[in-house]
Amino acid sequence: MSAATEPLSAADRAARAAASYVRVTPDVERAVVRYEIAKAAFDRLSAMDARDMSGRQVTLMTEAQGEMAERRAFLESVGQLHRIEMQ
């Protein structure tokens, strides 16, 4: 019997079945990336001295906070919050 036609072991079948449940949808991937971008912008802006920030920078920081909250809410609603919680 060749490797291609050998039956899968019980462990291989279980691993394959479990793997089918952990696939990430494009919406989840997009939400994680958008969260990471917003977090990076927020972190960069919040590290600045507030007295040196322009009005636009304050607005960008607020928008980044809003984006992070939206993405976090979405990920929580689909049970994928752990994708950003470890950061």
N, C-alpha and C. Protein backbone atom coordinates (compact mmCIF):
# COMPACT_ATOMS: atom_id res chain seq x y z
N MET A 1 0.83 -1.19 0.00
CA MET A 1 0.00 0.00 0.00
C MET A 1 0.87 1.25 0.00
N SER A 2 0.54 2.22 -0.83
CA SER A 2 1.31 3.46 -0.84
C SER A 2 0.81 4.38 0.28
N ALA A 3 1.61 5.38 0.58
CA ALA A 3 1.25 6.31 1.65
C ALA A 3 -0.05 7.04 1.34
N ALA A 4 -0.34 7.26 0.07
CA ALA A 4 -1.55 7.99 -0.31
C ALA A 4 -2.81 7.16 -0.08
N THR A 5 -2.69 5.84 -0.12
CA THR A 5 -3.88 5.00 0.02
C THR A 5 -3.99 4.34 1.40
N GLU A 6 -3.02 4.55 2.28
CA GLU A 6 -3.10 3.98 3.62
C GLU A 6 -4.21 4.67 4.40
N PRO A 7 -4.98 3.91 5.15
CA PRO A 7 -6.04 4.53 5.95
C PRO A 7 -5.43 5.37 7.08
N LEU A 8 -6.14 6.40 7.47
CA LEU A 8 -5.68 7.25 8.57
C LEU A 8 -5.88 6.54 9.90
N SER A 9 -4.95 6.78 10.81
CA SER A 9 -5.10 6.22 12.15
C SER A 9 -6.22 6.98 12.87
N ALA A 10 -6.65 6.46 14.00
CA ALA A 10 -7.69 7.13 14.78
C ALA A 10 -7.22 8.51 15.22
N ALA A 11 -5.96 8.61 15.62
CA ALA A 11 -5.42 9.90 16.05
C ALA A 11 -5.40 10.89 14.89
N ASP A 12 -5.03 10.44 13.70
CA ASP A 12 -5.02 11.31 12.53
C ASP A 12 -6.43 11.77 12.17
N ARG A 13 -7.40 10.86 12.25
CA ARG A 13 -8.78 11.24 11.96
C ARG A 13 -9.29 12.27 12.96
N ALA A 14 -8.96 12.09 14.24
CA ALA A 14 -9.39 13.03 15.28
C ALA A 14 -8.74 14.40 15.06
N ALA A 15 -7.45 14.39 14.73
CA ALA A 15 -6.75 15.66 14.49
C ALA A 15 -7.33 16.38 13.28
N ARG A 16 -7.64 15.64 12.27
CA ARG A 16 -8.22 16.24 11.06
C ARG A 16 -9.60 16.83 11.36
N ALA A 17 -10.40 16.11 12.13
CA ALA A 17 -11.73 16.60 12.50
C ALA A 17 -11.63 17.86 13.36
N ALA A 18 -10.70 17.86 14.31
CA ALA A 18 -10.53 19.03 15.19
C ALA A 18 -10.04 20.23 14.39
N ALA A 19 -9.17 20.01 13.43
CA ALA A 19 -8.63 21.11 12.64
C ALA A 19 -9.71 21.80 11.83
N SER A 20 -10.75 21.07 11.44
CA SER A 20 -11.81 21.69 10.65
C SER A 20 -12.60 22.72 11.45
N TYR A 21 -12.50 22.67 12.76
CA TYR A 21 -13.23 23.62 13.61
C TYR A 21 -12.43 24.88 13.94
N VAL A 22 -11.17 24.92 13.61
CA VAL A 22 -10.34 26.07 13.99
C VAL A 22 -9.96 26.95 12.81
N ARG A 23 -10.59 26.75 11.69
CA ARG A 23 -10.29 27.60 10.54
C ARG A 23 -10.75 29.03 10.82
N VAL A 24 -9.97 29.96 10.37
CA VAL A 24 -10.27 31.37 10.59
C VAL A 24 -10.89 31.95 9.33
N THR A 25 -12.00 32.63 9.51
CA THR A 25 -12.68 33.23 8.36
C THR A 25 -11.96 34.52 7.95
N PRO A 26 -12.16 34.95 6.72
CA PRO A 26 -11.56 36.22 6.29
C PRO A 26 -12.02 37.40 7.16
N ASP A 27 -13.26 37.38 7.62
CA ASP A 27 -13.75 38.46 8.48
C ASP A 27 -12.98 38.52 9.80
N VAL A 28 -12.66 37.37 10.36
CA VAL A 28 -11.90 37.33 11.60
C VAL A 28 -10.47 37.80 11.35
N GLU A 29 -9.86 37.32 10.27
CA GLU A 29 -8.50 37.77 9.94
C GLU A 29 -8.46 39.28 9.76
N ARG A 30 -9.44 39.81 9.04
CA ARG A 30 -9.50 41.25 8.79
C ARG A 30 -9.66 42.02 10.09
N ALA A 31 -10.51 41.53 10.98
CA ALA A 31 -10.73 42.20 12.26
C ALA A 31 -9.46 42.21 13.10
N VAL A 32 -8.73 41.11 13.10
CA VAL A 32 -7.48 41.04 13.87
C VAL A 32 -6.46 42.03 13.31
N VAL A 33 -6.32 42.07 12.01
CA VAL A 33 -5.35 42.98 11.38
C VAL A 33 -5.74 44.43 11.64
N ARG A 34 -7.02 44.74 11.49
CA ARG A 34 -7.46 46.12 11.74
C ARG A 34 -7.26 46.51 13.19
N TYR A 35 -7.49 45.57 14.11
CA TYR A 35 -7.26 45.83 15.53
C TYR A 35 -5.78 46.13 15.77
N GLU A 36 -4.91 45.29 15.18
CA GLU A 36 -3.47 45.47 15.38
C GLU A 36 -2.98 46.81 14.83
N ILE A 37 -3.51 47.22 13.68
CA ILE A 37 -3.13 48.51 13.09
C ILE A 37 -3.59 49.65 13.99
N ALA A 38 -4.84 49.57 14.45
CA ALA A 38 -5.38 50.61 15.32
C ALA A 38 -4.61 50.66 16.64
N LYS A 39 -4.26 49.50 17.18
CA LYS A 39 -3.53 49.45 18.44
C LYS A 39 -2.14 50.07 18.28
N ALA A 40 -1.49 49.79 17.17
CA ALA A 40 -0.16 50.36 16.92
C ALA A 40 -0.26 51.89 16.83
N ALA A 41 -1.28 52.39 16.14
CA ALA A 41 -1.47 53.84 16.03
C ALA A 41 -1.77 54.44 17.40
N PHE A 42 -2.65 53.78 18.15
CA PHE A 42 -2.99 54.28 19.48
C PHE A 42 -1.76 54.29 20.39
N ASP A 43 -1.01 53.21 20.38
CA ASP A 43 0.19 53.13 21.23
C ASP A 43 1.20 54.23 20.88
N ARG A 44 1.39 54.45 19.58
CA ARG A 44 2.34 55.49 19.14
C ARG A 44 1.87 56.87 19.58
N LEU A 45 0.59 57.14 19.39
CA LEU A 45 0.06 58.46 19.74
C LEU A 45 -0.03 58.67 21.25
N SER A 46 -0.40 57.62 21.98
CA SER A 46 -0.55 57.78 23.43
C SER A 46 0.80 57.93 24.12
N ALA A 47 1.87 57.57 23.44
CA ALA A 47 3.21 57.74 24.01
C ALA A 47 3.69 59.19 23.90
N MET A 48 2.98 59.98 23.11
CA MET A 48 3.38 61.38 22.93
C MET A 48 2.92 62.21 24.12
N ASP A 49 3.61 63.30 24.34
CA ASP A 49 3.19 64.27 25.36
C ASP A 49 1.95 64.98 24.82
N ALA A 50 0.87 64.95 25.58
CA ALA A 50 -0.40 65.53 25.13
C ALA A 50 -0.26 67.01 24.78
N ARG A 51 0.66 67.71 25.43
CA ARG A 51 0.84 69.14 25.15
C ARG A 51 1.44 69.37 23.77
N ASP A 52 2.08 68.34 23.21
CA ASP A 52 2.71 68.48 21.89
C ASP A 52 1.84 67.94 20.76
N MET A 53 0.68 67.38 21.10
CA MET A 53 -0.18 66.76 20.09
C MET A 53 -1.02 67.81 19.38
N SER A 54 -1.17 67.60 18.07
CA SER A 54 -2.05 68.48 17.29
C SER A 54 -3.49 67.97 17.47
N GLY A 55 -4.42 68.78 17.05
CA GLY A 55 -5.83 68.36 17.10
C GLY A 55 -6.06 67.12 16.27
N ARG A 56 -5.39 67.04 15.13
CA ARG A 56 -5.54 65.87 14.25
C ARG A 56 -5.02 64.61 14.94
N GLN A 57 -3.92 64.72 15.65
CA GLN A 57 -3.38 63.56 16.35
C GLN A 57 -4.32 63.08 17.45
N VAL A 58 -4.95 64.02 18.14
CA VAL A 58 -5.93 63.65 19.17
C VAL A 58 -7.11 62.94 18.51
N THR A 59 -7.56 63.46 17.37
CA THR A 59 -8.66 62.83 16.64
C THR A 59 -8.27 61.42 16.18
N LEU A 60 -7.06 61.27 15.67
CA LEU A 60 -6.60 59.95 15.23
C LEU A 60 -6.54 58.96 16.39
N MET A 61 -6.13 59.43 17.56
CA MET A 61 -6.06 58.56 18.72
C MET A 61 -7.47 58.12 19.14
N THR A 62 -8.41 59.03 19.09
CA THR A 62 -9.80 58.71 19.42
C THR A 62 -10.38 57.72 18.41
N GLU A 63 -10.09 57.94 17.14
CA GLU A 63 -10.56 57.03 16.10
C GLU A 63 -9.95 55.64 16.27
N ALA A 64 -8.69 55.59 16.63
CA ALA A 64 -8.03 54.29 16.87
C ALA A 64 -8.69 53.56 18.02
N GLN A 65 -9.03 54.28 19.08
CA GLN A 65 -9.73 53.66 20.21
C GLN A 65 -11.07 53.10 19.77
N GLY A 66 -11.79 53.86 18.96
CA GLY A 66 -13.08 53.40 18.46
C GLY A 66 -12.95 52.16 17.60
N GLU A 67 -11.96 52.17 16.73
CA GLU A 67 -11.71 51.01 15.86
C GLU A 67 -11.37 49.78 16.69
N MET A 68 -10.52 49.95 17.69
CA MET A 68 -10.16 48.83 18.56
C MET A 68 -11.41 48.28 19.27
N ALA A 69 -12.27 49.14 19.74
CA ALA A 69 -13.49 48.71 20.44
C ALA A 69 -14.42 47.95 19.49
N GLU A 70 -14.56 48.45 18.27
CA GLU A 70 -15.42 47.77 17.29
C GLU A 70 -14.89 46.39 16.94
N ARG A 71 -13.60 46.30 16.68
CA ARG A 71 -13.00 45.01 16.31
C ARG A 71 -13.06 44.03 17.48
N ARG A 72 -12.83 44.55 18.70
CA ARG A 72 -12.90 43.70 19.89
C ARG A 72 -14.31 43.15 20.07
N ALA A 73 -15.32 44.00 19.89
CA ALA A 73 -16.72 43.57 20.01
C ALA A 73 -17.05 42.51 18.97
N PHE A 74 -16.58 42.71 17.74
CA PHE A 74 -16.84 41.72 16.69
C PHE A 74 -16.19 40.38 17.04
N LEU A 75 -14.92 40.43 17.42
CA LEU A 75 -14.21 39.19 17.73
C LEU A 75 -14.85 38.47 18.92
N GLU A 76 -15.31 39.24 19.89
CA GLU A 76 -16.01 38.64 21.03
C GLU A 76 -17.31 37.98 20.58
N SER A 77 -18.02 38.62 19.67
CA SER A 77 -19.31 38.09 19.21
C SER A 77 -19.17 36.79 18.44
N VAL A 78 -18.02 36.56 17.82
CA VAL A 78 -17.81 35.32 17.06
C VAL A 78 -16.92 34.33 17.80
N GLY A 79 -16.66 34.61 19.08
CA GLY A 79 -15.89 33.68 19.90
C GLY A 79 -14.41 33.63 19.55
N GLN A 80 -13.86 34.71 19.03
CA GLN A 80 -12.46 34.72 18.61
C GLN A 80 -11.64 35.80 19.34
N LEU A 81 -12.14 36.24 20.47
CA LEU A 81 -11.46 37.29 21.22
C LEU A 81 -10.04 36.90 21.62
N HIS A 82 -9.81 35.62 21.79
CA HIS A 82 -8.47 35.16 22.19
C HIS A 82 -7.40 35.53 21.15
N ARG A 83 -7.80 35.85 19.94
CA ARG A 83 -6.83 36.19 18.91
C ARG A 83 -6.14 37.53 19.17
N ILE A 84 -6.75 38.37 20.03
CA ILE A 84 -6.11 39.66 20.36
C ILE A 84 -5.84 39.79 21.85
N GLU A 85 -6.41 38.97 22.68
CA GLU A 85 -6.28 39.10 24.12
C GLU A 85 -4.86 38.86 24.61
N MET A 86 -4.06 38.08 23.93
CA MET A 86 -2.72 37.75 24.38
C MET A 86 -1.73 38.86 24.09
N GLN A 87 -2.13 39.85 23.31
CA GLN A 87 -1.20 40.90 22.90
C GLN A 87 -1.01 41.93 23.98
